[in-house]
C-alpha atoms as a PDB file:
ATOM      1  CA  MET A   1       0.000   0.000   0.000  1.00  0.00           C
ATOM      2  CA  THR A   2       1.343   3.421  -0.937  1.00  0.00           C
ATOM      3  CA  GLN A   3       1.825   6.122   1.682  1.00  0.00           C
ATOM      4  CA  SER A   4      -0.939   8.273   0.122  1.00  0.00           C
ATOM      5  CA  ALA A   5      -3.374   5.338   0.177  1.00  0.00           C
ATOM      6  CA  ALA A   6      -2.535   4.660   3.821  1.00  0.00           C
ATOM      7  CA  SER A   7      -3.081   8.331   4.638  1.00  0.00           C
ATOM      8  CA  ARG A   8      -6.496   8.264   2.959  1.00  0.00           C
ATOM      9  CA  LEU A   9      -7.459   5.171   4.956  1.00  0.00           C
ATOM     10  CA  ARG A  10      -6.365   6.802   8.214  1.00  0.00           C
ATOM     11  CA  ARG A  11      -8.386   9.943   7.417  1.00  0.00           C
ATOM     12  CA  ALA A  12     -11.434   7.834   6.586  1.00  0.00           C
ATOM     13  CA  ALA A  13     -11.030   5.883   9.832  1.00  0.00           C
ATOM     14  CA  ARG A  14     -10.796   9.114  11.828  1.00  0.00           C
ATOM     15  CA  ARG A  15     -13.944  10.503  10.179  1.00  0.00           C
ATOM     16  CA  ALA A  16     -15.821   7.281  10.930  1.00  0.00           C
ATOM     17  CA  PHE A  17     -14.675   7.352  14.567  1.00  0.00           C
ATOM     18  CA  VAL A  18     -15.741  10.994  14.951  1.00  0.00           C
ATOM     19  CA  ARG A  19     -19.198  10.157  13.637  1.00  0.00           C
ATOM     20  CA  LEU A  20     -19.557   7.150  15.937  1.00  0.00           C
ATOM     21  CA  ASP A  21     -18.284   8.929  19.059  1.00  0.00           C
ATOM     22  CA  ASN A  22     -18.770  12.659  18.641  1.00  0.00           C
ATOM     23  CA  PRO A  23     -15.727  14.460  20.129  1.00  0.00           C
ATOM     24  CA  GLU A  24     -17.770  17.138  21.916  1.00  0.00           C
ATOM     25  CA  VAL A  25     -19.969  14.523  23.571  1.00  0.00           C
ATOM     26  CA  ARG A  26     -16.886  12.436  24.336  1.00  0.00           C
ATOM     27  CA  HIS A  27     -15.438  15.435  26.191  1.00  0.00           C
ATOM     28  CA  ALA A  28     -18.638  15.495  28.259  1.00  0.00           C
ATOM     29  CA  ARG A  29     -18.272  11.805  29.111  1.00  0.00           C
ATOM     30  CA  VAL A  30     -14.647  12.204  30.167  1.00  0.00           C
ATOM     31  CA  LEU A  31     -15.511  15.280  32.242  1.00  0.00           C
ATOM     32  CA  VAL A  32     -18.349  13.505  34.089  1.00  0.00           C
ATOM     33  CA  LYS A  33     -16.083  10.520  34.763  1.00  0.00           C
ATOM     34  CA  ARG A  34     -13.396  12.853  36.089  1.00  0.00           C
ATOM     35  CA  LEU A  35     -15.820  14.784  38.310  1.00  0.00           C
ATOM     36  CA  ARG A  36     -17.092  11.568  39.882  1.00  0.00           C
ATOM     37  CA  ARG A  37     -13.558  10.534  40.782  1.00  0.00           C
ATOM     38  CA  ARG A  38     -12.201  13.893  41.933  1.00  0.00           C
ATOM     39  CA  ALA A  39     -12.884  17.322  40.525  1.00  0.00           C
ATOM     40  CA  PRO A  40      -9.830  19.014  38.980  1.00  0.00           C
ATOM     41  CA  ASP A  41      -8.521  22.197  40.560  1.00  0.00           C
ATOM     42  CA  VAL A  42      -8.963  23.972  37.213  1.00  0.00           C
ATOM     43  CA  LEU A  43     -11.366  23.208  34.368  1.00  0.00           C
ATOM     44  CA  TYR A  44     -10.083  24.806  31.164  1.00  0.00           C
ATOM     45  CA  LEU A  45     -12.723  25.426  28.483  1.00  0.00           C
ATOM     46  CA  GLY A  46     -10.832  26.598  25.416  1.00  0.00           C
ATOM     47  CA  ASP A  47     -11.149  26.742  21.628  1.00  0.00           C
ATOM     48  CA  SER A  48      -8.958  25.646  18.718  1.00  0.00           C
ATOM     49  CA  THR A  49      -6.123  27.902  19.937  1.00  0.00           C
ATOM     50  CA  THR A  50      -5.978  25.654  23.024  1.00  0.00           C
ATOM     51  CA  VAL A  51      -5.003  22.573  21.027  1.00  0.00           C
ATOM     52  CA  PHE A  52      -3.504  23.739  17.707  1.00  0.00           C
ATOM     53  CA  VAL A  53       0.266  23.486  17.077  1.00  0.00           C
ATOM     54  CA  GLY A  54       2.130  24.749  13.992  1.00  0.00           C
ATOM     55  CA  GLY A  55       4.225  22.501  11.788  1.00  0.00           C
ATOM     56  CA  ALA A  56       7.339  24.680  12.221  1.00  0.00           C
ATOM     57  CA  ASP A  57       7.054  25.043  16.017  1.00  0.00           C
ATOM     58  CA  VAL A  58      10.100  23.896  17.966  1.00  0.00           C
ATOM     59  CA  ASP A  59       8.087  23.567  21.179  1.00  0.00           C
ATOM     60  CA  ARG A  60       5.415  21.021  20.197  1.00  0.00           C
ATOM     61  CA  ARG A  61       3.269  21.514  23.292  1.00  0.00           C
ATOM     62  CA  SER A  62      -0.231  22.877  22.823  1.00  0.00           C
ATOM     63  CA  LEU A  63      -1.392  25.877  24.835  1.00  0.00           C
ATOM     64  CA  GLY A  64      -3.249  23.526  27.169  1.00  0.00           C
ATOM     65  CA  GLU A  65      -0.116  21.456  27.715  1.00  0.00           C
ATOM     66  CA  MET A  66       1.943  24.592  28.368  1.00  0.00           C
ATOM     67  CA  ILE A  67      -0.536  25.785  30.986  1.00  0.00           C
ATOM     68  CA  ARG A  68      -0.510  22.344  32.598  1.00  0.00           C
ATOM     69  CA  GLY A  69       3.280  22.414  32.707  1.00  0.00           C
ATOM     70  CA  GLU A  70       3.387  25.901  34.231  1.00  0.00           C
ATOM     71  CA  LEU A  71       0.852  24.816  36.879  1.00  0.00           C
ATOM     72  CA  ALA A  72       2.661  21.569  37.716  1.00  0.00           C
ATOM     73  CA  GLY A  73       2.837  21.025  41.464  1.00  0.00           C
ATOM     74  CA  ARG A  74       0.348  23.818  42.170  1.00  0.00           C
ATOM     75  CA  ALA A  75      -2.910  22.783  40.487  1.00  0.00           C
ATOM     76  CA  ASP A  76      -4.442  19.941  38.512  1.00  0.00           C
ATOM     77  CA  LEU A  77      -5.810  20.977  35.092  1.00  0.00           C
ATOM     78  CA  HIS A  78      -8.522  19.353  32.950  1.00  0.00           C
ATOM     79  CA  VAL A  79      -8.585  20.638  29.354  1.00  0.00           C
ATOM     80  CA  ILE A  80     -11.494  20.747  26.913  1.00  0.00           C
ATOM     81  CA  GLY A  81     -10.799  22.436  23.584  1.00  0.00           C
ATOM     82  CA  GLY A  82     -11.304  22.034  19.866  1.00  0.00           C
ATOM     83  CA  GLY A  83     -12.355  23.620  16.596  1.00  0.00           C
ATOM     84  CA  GLY A  84     -15.233  26.064  17.029  1.00  0.00           C
ATOM     85  CA  TYR A  85     -15.542  25.512  20.796  1.00  0.00           C
ATOM     86  CA  HIS A  86     -17.499  28.649  21.521  1.00  0.00           C
ATOM     87  CA  THR A  87     -19.446  30.177  24.405  1.00  0.00           C
ATOM     88  CA  GLY A  88     -22.584  28.106  23.826  1.00  0.00           C
ATOM     89  CA  LEU A  89     -20.654  24.833  24.052  1.00  0.00           C
ATOM     90  CA  HIS A  90     -18.738  26.047  27.115  1.00  0.00           C
ATOM     91  CA  ALA A  91     -22.030  26.799  28.874  1.00  0.00           C
ATOM     92  CA  ALA A  92     -23.257  23.275  28.094  1.00  0.00           C
ATOM     93  CA  TYR A  93     -20.220  21.720  29.792  1.00  0.00           C
ATOM     94  CA  LEU A  94     -20.835  23.844  32.895  1.00  0.00           C
ATOM     95  CA  HIS A  95     -24.225  22.164  33.123  1.00  0.00           C
ATOM     96  CA  LEU A  96     -22.375  18.958  34.064  1.00  0.00           C
ATOM     97  CA  LEU A  97     -20.664  20.366  37.158  1.00  0.00           C
ATOM     98  CA  GLY A  98     -23.825  19.830  39.196  1.00  0.00           C
ATOM     99  CA  ALA A  99     -23.086  19.416  42.866  1.00  0.00           C
ATOM    100  CA  ALA A 100     -19.368  18.725  42.400  1.00  0.00           C
ATOM    101  CA  SER A 101     -17.536  19.757  45.536  1.00  0.00           C
ATOM    102  CA  PRO A 102     -15.282  21.569  45.656  1.00  0.00           C
ATOM    103  CA  LYS A 103     -16.075  23.284  42.373  1.00  0.00           C
ATOM    104  CA  PRO A 104     -13.106  23.756  40.065  1.00  0.00           C
ATOM    105  CA  LEU A 105     -11.904  27.174  39.058  1.00  0.00           C
ATOM    106  CA  VAL A 106     -13.115  27.635  35.481  1.00  0.00           C
ATOM    107  CA  LEU A 107     -10.561  29.049  33.060  1.00  0.00           C
ATOM    108  CA  HIS A 108     -12.099  29.838  29.703  1.00  0.00           C
ATOM    109  CA  SER A 109     -11.621  31.743  26.489  1.00  0.00           C
ATOM    110  CA  LEU A 110     -13.766  34.541  25.098  1.00  0.00           C
ATOM    111  CA  TRP A 111     -13.634  34.503  21.307  1.00  0.00           C
ATOM    112  CA  ILE A 112     -14.969  37.228  19.006  1.00  0.00           C
ATOM    113  CA  ARG A 113     -15.245  35.096  15.860  1.00  0.00           C
ATOM    114  CA  GLY A 114     -17.259  32.485  17.736  1.00  0.00           C
ATOM    115  CA  ARG A 115     -19.970  35.124  18.267  1.00  0.00           C
ATOM    116  CA  TYR A 116     -20.501  35.734  14.554  1.00  0.00           C
ATOM    117  CA  PRO A 117     -23.428  33.996  12.771  1.00  0.00           C
ATOM    118  CA  PRO A 118     -21.132  32.052  10.374  1.00  0.00           C
ATOM    119  CA  TRP A 119     -19.656  30.228  13.370  1.00  0.00           C
ATOM    120  CA  ILE A 120     -22.772  29.963  15.522  1.00  0.00           C
ATOM    121  CA  GLU A 121     -24.764  28.601  12.565  1.00  0.00           C
ATOM    122  CA  HIS A 122     -22.033  26.535  10.902  1.00  0.00           C
ATOM    123  CA  PRO A 123     -23.376  23.004  10.149  1.00  0.00           C
ATOM    124  CA  VAL A 124     -20.268  21.447  11.740  1.00  0.00           C
ATOM    125  CA  TYR A 125     -18.491  24.003  13.926  1.00  0.00           C
ATOM    126  CA  GLY A 126     -21.671  25.470  15.400  1.00  0.00           C
ATOM    127  CA  HIS A 127     -21.943  22.182  17.371  1.00  0.00           C
ATOM    128  CA  ARG A 128     -25.711  22.649  17.702  1.00  0.00           C
ATOM    129  CA  ARG A 129     -26.570  18.948  17.888  1.00  0.00           C
ATOM    130  CA  ALA A 130     -23.856  18.251  20.454  1.00  0.00           C
ATOM    131  CA  ILE A 131     -24.895  21.253  22.576  1.00  0.00           C
ATOM    132  CA  ALA A 132     -28.521  20.104  22.628  1.00  0.00           C
ATOM    133  CA  LEU A 133     -27.468  16.589  23.618  1.00  0.00           C
ATOM    134  CA  ILE A 134     -25.112  17.768  26.387  1.00  0.00           C
ATOM    135  CA  ASN A 135     -27.733  20.153  27.770  1.00  0.00           C
ATOM    136  CA  GLY A 136     -30.090  17.162  27.978  1.00  0.00           C
ATOM    137  CA  LEU A 137     -27.698  15.270  30.267  1.00  0.00           C
ATOM    138  CA  ASP A 138     -27.302  15.618  33.987  1.00  0.00           C
ATOM    139  CA  PRO A 139     -24.335  14.823  36.250  1.00  0.00           C
ATOM    140  CA  SER A 140     -25.886  11.466  37.234  1.00  0.00           C
ATOM    141  CA  THR A 141     -26.301  10.193  33.664  1.00  0.00           C
ATOM    142  CA  PRO A 142     -24.655   6.755  33.267  1.00  0.00           C
ATOM    143  CA  LEU A 143     -21.406   7.048  31.355  1.00  0.00           C
ATOM    144  CA  TRP A 144     -22.504   4.536  28.723  1.00  0.00           C
ATOM    145  CA  ARG A 145     -25.333   6.889  27.771  1.00  0.00           C
ATOM    146  CA  ILE A 146     -23.010   9.860  27.222  1.00  0.00           C
ATOM    147  CA  ARG A 147     -22.219   8.931  23.658  1.00  0.00           C
ATOM    148  CA  ALA A 148     -23.544  10.054  20.311  1.00  0.00           C
ATOM    149  CA  SER A 149     -23.238   9.172  16.649  1.00  0.00           C
ATOM    150  CA  LEU A 150     -24.045  12.433  14.880  1.00  0.00           C
ATOM    151  CA  PRO A 151     -24.649  12.422  11.112  1.00  0.00           C
ATOM    152  CA  ALA A 152     -22.596  14.516   8.720  1.00  0.00           C
ATOM    153  CA  PRO A 153     -24.462  17.635   7.521  1.00  0.00           C
ATOM    154  CA  GLU A 154     -26.479  17.290   4.328  1.00  0.00           C
ATOM    155  CA  PRO A 155     -25.586  19.429   1.279  1.00  0.00           C
ATOM    156  CA  ASP A 156     -28.779  21.482   1.670  1.00  0.00           C
ATOM    157  CA  GLU A 157     -27.645  22.495   5.173  1.00  0.00           C
ATOM    158  CA  PHE A 158     -24.530  24.068   3.665  1.00  0.00           C
ATOM    159  CA  GLU A 159     -26.562  25.752   0.941  1.00  0.00           C
ATOM    160  CA  ALA A 160     -28.745  27.354   3.618  1.00  0.00           C
ATOM    161  CA  PHE A 161     -25.611  28.275   5.546  1.00  0.00           C
ATOM    162  CA  TYR A 162     -24.140  30.044   2.501  1.00  0.00           C
ATOM    163  CA  ARG A 163     -27.251  32.251   2.315  1.00  0.00           C
ATOM    164  CA  ILE A 164     -26.798  33.637   5.851  1.00  0.00           C
ATOM    165  CA  PRO A 165     -26.142  37.420   5.808  1.00  0.00           C
ATOM    166  CA  HIS A 166     -22.738  38.468   7.149  1.00  0.00           C
ATOM    167  CA  ARG A 167     -22.137  42.210   7.004  1.00  0.00           C
ATOM    168  CA  THR A 168     -18.481  43.188   7.385  1.00  0.00           C
ATOM    169  CA  LEU A 169     -16.056  45.935   6.404  1.00  0.00           C
ATOM    170  CA  LEU A 170     -16.598  44.765   2.815  1.00  0.00           C
ATOM    171  CA  GLY A 171     -20.347  45.448   2.941  1.00  0.00           C
ATOM    172  CA  ASP A 172     -23.622  43.517   2.995  1.00  0.00           C
ATOM    173  CA  LEU A 173     -22.577  40.079   1.800  1.00  0.00           C
ATOM    174  CA  THR A 174     -23.594  36.509   2.572  1.00  0.00           C
ATOM    175  CA  VAL A 175     -21.486  33.672   3.930  1.00  0.00           C
ATOM    176  CA  GLY A 176     -21.275  32.190   0.436  1.00  0.00           C
ATOM    177  CA  ASP A 177     -19.886  35.456  -0.950  1.00  0.00           C
ATOM    178  CA  TYR A 178     -16.822  34.859   1.237  1.00  0.00           C
ATOM    179  CA  VAL A 179     -16.544  31.089   1.329  1.00  0.00           C
ATOM    180  CA  ARG A 180     -16.936  30.254  -2.359  1.00  0.00           C
ATOM    181  CA  PRO A 181     -14.133  32.551  -3.618  1.00  0.00           C
ATOM    182  CA  LEU A 182     -11.892  31.475  -0.730  1.00  0.00           C
ATOM    183  CA  LYS A 183     -12.428  27.806  -1.568  1.00  0.00           C
ATOM    184  CA  ASN A 184     -11.793  28.024  -5.311  1.00  0.00           C
ATOM    185  CA  GLY A 185      -8.166  29.119  -4.826  1.00  0.00           C
ATOM    186  CA  ALA A 186      -8.211  31.656  -7.665  1.00  0.00           C
ATOM    187  CA  LEU A 187      -7.712  34.810  -5.569  1.00  0.00           C
ATOM    188  CA  ALA A 188      -4.473  36.767  -5.593  1.00  0.00           C
ATOM    189  CA  PRO A 189      -2.746  36.753  -2.157  1.00  0.00           C
ATOM    190  CA  ASP A 190      -3.780  40.331  -1.309  1.00  0.00           C
ATOM    191  CA  GLU A 191      -7.402  39.652  -2.366  1.00  0.00           C
ATOM    192  CA  ARG A 192      -7.484  36.471  -0.294  1.00  0.00           C
ATOM    193  CA  LEU A 193      -6.067  38.260   2.767  1.00  0.00           C
ATOM    194  CA  ARG A 194      -8.654  41.030   2.498  1.00  0.00           C
ATOM    195  CA  LEU A 195     -11.548  38.588   2.150  1.00  0.00           C
ATOM    196  CA  MET A 196     -10.265  36.351   4.969  1.00  0.00           C
ATOM    197  CA  TYR A 197      -9.873  39.184   7.479  1.00  0.00           C
ATOM    198  CA  ALA A 198     -13.263  40.621   6.607  1.00  0.00           C
ATOM    199  CA  TYR A 199     -14.933  37.208   6.955  1.00  0.00           C
ATOM    200  CA  HIS A 200     -13.134  36.140  10.134  1.00  0.00           C
ATOM    201  CA  HIS A 201     -12.795  39.413  12.011  1.00  0.00           C
ATOM    202  CA  GLY A 202     -14.432  42.309  10.174  1.00  0.00           C
ATOM    203  CA  ALA A 203     -18.032  42.250  11.445  1.00  0.00           C
ATOM    204  CA  GLU A 204     -19.512  44.587  14.044  1.00  0.00           C
ATOM    205  CA  LEU A 205     -21.180  42.741  16.907  1.00  0.00           C
ATOM    206  CA  ALA A 206     -24.554  44.048  18.078  1.00  0.00           C
ATOM    207  CA  ALA A 207     -25.670  44.226  21.703  1.00  0.00           C
ATOM    208  CA  ASP A 208     -28.984  42.525  20.892  1.00  0.00           C
ATOM    209  CA  ALA A 209     -27.442  39.643  18.892  1.00  0.00           C
ATOM    210  CA  ASP A 210     -27.927  36.021  19.950  1.00  0.00           C
ATOM    211  CA  GLY A 211     -24.168  35.593  20.222  1.00  0.00           C
ATOM    212  CA  ILE A 212     -23.911  38.328  22.838  1.00  0.00           C
ATOM    213  CA  ALA A 213     -26.847  36.893  24.795  1.00  0.00           C
ATOM    214  CA  ASP A 214     -24.920  33.591  24.905  1.00  0.00           C
ATOM    215  CA  VAL A 215     -21.933  35.394  26.474  1.00  0.00           C
ATOM    216  CA  ALA A 216     -24.152  36.798  29.229  1.00  0.00           C
ATOM    217  CA  ASN A 217     -25.646  33.325  29.708  1.00  0.00           C
ATOM    218  CA  LEU A 218     -22.177  31.839  30.188  1.00  0.00           C
ATOM    219  CA  GLY A 219     -21.425  34.408  32.889  1.00  0.00           C
ATOM    220  CA  ARG A 220     -24.762  33.676  34.535  1.00  0.00           C
ATOM    221  CA  ARG A 221     -24.130  29.922  34.570  1.00  0.00           C
ATOM    222  CA  LEU A 222     -20.709  30.446  36.126  1.00  0.00           C
ATOM    223  CA  ARG A 223     -22.208  32.710  38.802  1.00  0.00           C
ATOM    224  CA  GLU A 224     -25.008  30.239  39.568  1.00  0.00           C
ATOM    225  CA  ALA A 225     -22.516  27.361  39.754  1.00  0.00           C
ATOM    226  CA  GLY A 226     -20.467  29.304  42.318  1.00  0.00           C
ATOM    227  CA  CYS A 227     -17.217  28.852  40.394  1.00  0.00           C
ATOM    228  CA  ARG A 228     -14.175  31.070  40.621  1.00  0.00           C
ATOM    229  CA  THR A 229     -13.203  32.128  37.139  1.00  0.00           C
ATOM    230  CA  VAL A 230     -10.432  33.442  34.934  1.00  0.00           C
ATOM    231  CA  ALA A 231     -11.481  34.513  31.443  1.00  0.00           C
ATOM    232  CA  TYR A 232      -9.120  35.595  28.688  1.00  0.00           C
ATOM    233  CA  GLN A 233      -9.617  37.086  25.261  1.00  0.00           C
ATOM    234  CA  THR A 234      -8.516  34.768  22.446  1.00  0.00           C
ATOM    235  CA  PRO A 235      -5.871  36.805  20.569  1.00  0.00           C
ATOM    236  CA  LEU A 236      -6.143  37.720  16.912  1.00  0.00           C
ATOM    237  CA  SER A 237      -3.585  39.396  14.653  1.00  0.00           C
ATOM    238  CA  VAL A 238      -4.815  42.982  14.818  1.00  0.00           C
ATOM    239  CA  GLU A 239      -1.535  44.066  13.212  1.00  0.00           C
ATOM    240  CA  THR A 240      -2.389  42.141  10.032  1.00  0.00           C
ATOM    241  CA  GLY A 241      -5.944  43.419   9.979  1.00  0.00           C
ATOM    242  CA  VAL A 242      -4.709  47.005  10.240  1.00  0.00           C
ATOM    243  CA  GLN A 243      -2.345  46.405   7.320  1.00  0.00           C
ATOM    244  CA  VAL A 244      -5.390  45.431   5.247  1.00  0.00           C
ATOM    245  CA  PHE A 245      -8.111  47.811   6.485  1.00  0.00           C
ATOM    246  CA  GLY A 246      -6.273  50.549   8.371  1.00  0.00           C
ATOM    247  CA  SER A 247      -6.978  51.797  11.891  1.00  0.00           C
ATOM    248  CA  GLU A 248     -10.711  51.208  11.405  1.00  0.00           C
ATOM    249  CA  PHE A 249     -10.023  47.495  11.889  1.00  0.00           C
ATOM    250  CA  ALA A 250      -8.416  47.965  15.316  1.00  0.00           C
ATOM    251  CA  GLN A 251     -11.247  50.250  16.412  1.00  0.00           C
ATOM    252  CA  LEU A 252     -13.835  47.665  15.365  1.00  0.00           C
ATOM    253  CA  VAL A 253     -12.049  44.873  17.256  1.00  0.00           C
ATOM    254  CA  ALA A 254     -11.806  47.057  20.375  1.00  0.00           C
ATOM    255  CA  ARG A 255     -15.558  47.788  20.222  1.00  0.00           C
ATOM    256  CA  ASN A 256     -16.343  44.082  19.860  1.00  0.00           C
ATOM    257  CA  TRP A 257     -14.209  43.225  22.879  1.00  0.00           C
ATOM    258  CA  ARG A 258     -15.947  45.872  24.994  1.00  0.00           C
ATOM    259  CA  LEU A 259     -19.323  44.437  24.043  1.00  0.00           C
ATOM    260  CA  ILE A 260     -18.299  40.867  24.866  1.00  0.00           C
ATOM    261  CA  ASP A 261     -16.621  41.836  28.131  1.00  0.00           C
ATOM    262  CA  ASP A 262     -19.620  43.918  29.235  1.00  0.00           C
ATOM    263  CA  ALA A 263     -22.063  41.098  28.449  1.00  0.00           C
ATOM    264  CA  TYR A 264     -19.932  38.605  30.356  1.00  0.00           C
ATOM    265  CA  ARG A 265     -19.671  40.869  33.387  1.00  0.00           C
ATOM    266  CA  GLU A 266     -23.421  41.471  33.284  1.00  0.00           C
ATOM    267  CA  GLY A 267     -24.017  37.728  33.423  1.00  0.00           C
ATOM    268  CA  MET A 268     -21.497  37.370  36.238  1.00  0.00           C
ATOM    269  CA  GLY A 269     -23.362  40.021  38.207  1.00  0.00           C
ATOM    270  CA  GLY A 270     -20.686  42.715  38.131  1.00  0.00           C
ATOM    271  CA  GLU A 271     -17.002  41.993  38.599  1.00  0.00           C
ATOM    272  CA  ALA A 272     -15.208  39.337  36.582  1.00  0.00           C
ATOM    273  CA  ARG A 273     -11.554  38.724  35.841  1.00  0.00           C
ATOM    274  CA  ILE A 274     -10.922  39.058  32.101  1.00  0.00           C
ATOM    275  CA  LEU A 275      -7.373  39.079  30.767  1.00  0.00           C
ATOM    276  CA  GLU A 276      -7.203  41.649  27.963  1.00  0.00           C
ATOM    277  CA  THR A 277      -5.078  39.504  25.679  1.00  0.00           C
ATOM    278  CA  GLY A 278      -7.125  39.875  22.483  1.00  0.00           C
ATOM    279  CA  MET A 279      -5.118  42.680  20.865  1.00  0.00           C
ATOM    280  CA  ILE A 280      -1.618  42.463  22.339  1.00  0.00           C
ATOM    281  CA  PHE A 281       0.022  39.747  20.210  1.00  0.00           C
ATOM    282  CA  PRO A 282       2.009  40.830  17.122  1.00  0.00           C
ATOM    283  CA  ALA A 283       1.697  39.036  13.799  1.00  0.00           C
ATOM    284  CA  ALA A 284       5.067  37.334  14.411  1.00  0.00           C
ATOM    285  CA  GLU A 285       3.539  35.321  17.292  1.00  0.00           C
ATOM    286  CA  PHE A 286       0.893  33.645  15.117  1.00  0.00           C
ATOM    287  CA  ILE A 287       1.508  30.460  13.137  1.00  0.00           C
ATOM    288  CA  ASP A 288       0.312  32.048   9.898  1.00  0.00           C
ATOM    289  CA  PRO A 289      -1.393  35.437  10.236  1.00  0.00           C
ATOM    290  CA  ALA A 290      -2.386  35.281   6.546  1.00  0.00           C
ATOM    291  CA  ASP A 291      -4.834  32.480   7.433  1.00  0.00           C
ATOM    292  CA  ALA A 292      -6.705  34.869   9.763  1.00  0.00           C
ATOM    293  CA  ASP A 293      -6.887  32.143  12.430  1.00  0.00           C
ATOM    294  CA  GLU A 294      -6.125  32.850  16.059  1.00  0.00           C
ATOM    295  CA  HIS A 295      -3.571  30.045  16.284  1.00  0.00           C
ATOM    296  CA  LEU A 296      -0.403  31.154  18.065  1.00  0.00           C
ATOM    297  CA  ASN A 297       3.062  29.779  17.399  1.00  0.00           C
ATOM    298  CA  ASP A 298       5.182  28.339  20.199  1.00  0.00           C
ATOM    299  CA  GLU A 299       6.497  31.764  21.239  1.00  0.00           C
ATOM    300  CA  GLY A 300       3.005  33.249  21.351  1.00  0.00           C
ATOM    301  CA  ARG A 301       1.511  30.239  23.129  1.00  0.00           C
ATOM    302  CA  LEU A 302       4.136  30.330  25.864  1.00  0.00           C
ATOM    303  CA  ARG A 303       3.607  34.043  26.449  1.00  0.00           C
ATOM    304  CA  LEU A 304      -0.164  33.576  26.662  1.00  0.00           C
ATOM    305  CA  ALA A 305       0.227  30.513  28.894  1.00  0.00           C
ATOM    306  CA  ARG A 306       2.323  32.469  31.398  1.00  0.00           C
ATOM    307  CA  LEU A 307      -0.153  35.354  31.501  1.00  0.00           C
ATOM    308  CA  ILE A 308      -2.980  32.895  32.116  1.00  0.00           C
ATOM    309  CA  VAL A 309      -1.122  30.921  34.780  1.00  0.00           C
ATOM    310  CA  ALA A 310      -0.227  34.053  36.733  1.00  0.00           C
ATOM    311  CA  ALA A 311      -3.938  34.939  36.925  1.00  0.00           C
ATOM    312  CA  VAL A 312      -5.002  31.386  37.784  1.00  0.00           C
ATOM    313  CA  VAL A 313      -2.461  31.074  40.584  1.00  0.00           C
ATOM    314  CA  ASP A 314      -3.547  34.453  41.924  1.00  0.00           C
ATOM    315  CA  GLU A 315      -7.151  33.183  42.096  1.00  0.00           C
ATOM    316  CA  LEU A 316      -6.185  29.843  43.633  1.00  0.00           C
ATOM    317  CA  GLU A 317      -3.609  31.194  46.080  1.00  0.00           C
ATOM    318  CA  PRO A 318      -4.593  34.781  46.929  1.00  0.00           C
ATOM    319  CA  SER A 319      -1.898  36.625  48.845  1.00  0.00           C
END
């Protein structure tokens, strides 16, 4: 068997496994099992930045692994992270804490892009089916029942997704107006960069949007659970966005962060610790800023990990 054929078989096997044991539901099963044994000191609810590592990175540890290493000997960390793991999914996992005692400190990301309709409504990365299933569980659910085989989205689901409006710095477009040109590979590099940054980061959040209501709901669930918290803003390459759209881009990102932070604090009932890390990382600390993802390289991950750990230790061991 050729190497390419073996690779195709491995990819097919992984896809089949994901469908048979949905990763988001699997995280719920592992968390419930862990809570029944002994709650971790820190529950980390992250996103793709938590787990993604670049091919050229010398330090191959993920952000979650770096945080665990920095906390070694001081706190036990349980990590949940993955592609599109947004506020709505985080809130579902909190539902499983139940009467766990003592409650873990909850470390979690706040992520602008995850509050945009293209990510909330995405047929795969919106995680709607998994969220509904997890919200239907309770902490006493038998482990064998915390399992799901979720079907792959149908083509008509993606067609409906492509028709969703997504107004950005490029105007009143739909999801398909961004995704189709980006997928066909015919754009010049500067055109691709402009479209990517508009699609990923160039929309103005609205206070009355469902995505912002979900942020307030996450804060409310944390408050009702009685958990100590540390929240941080998932960084994005503002430097690259400014190169494309000028200072207007940075101003838009700053407004979006204020809206998210205010909604979170409202849900928390006032004060909440939020690390303002969303705009402080230069382009050189991202794996590939041209991709418009928030994935940090090893240098960026280590810097973020140390900022996070300092705040977590301060919450766990107040002076």
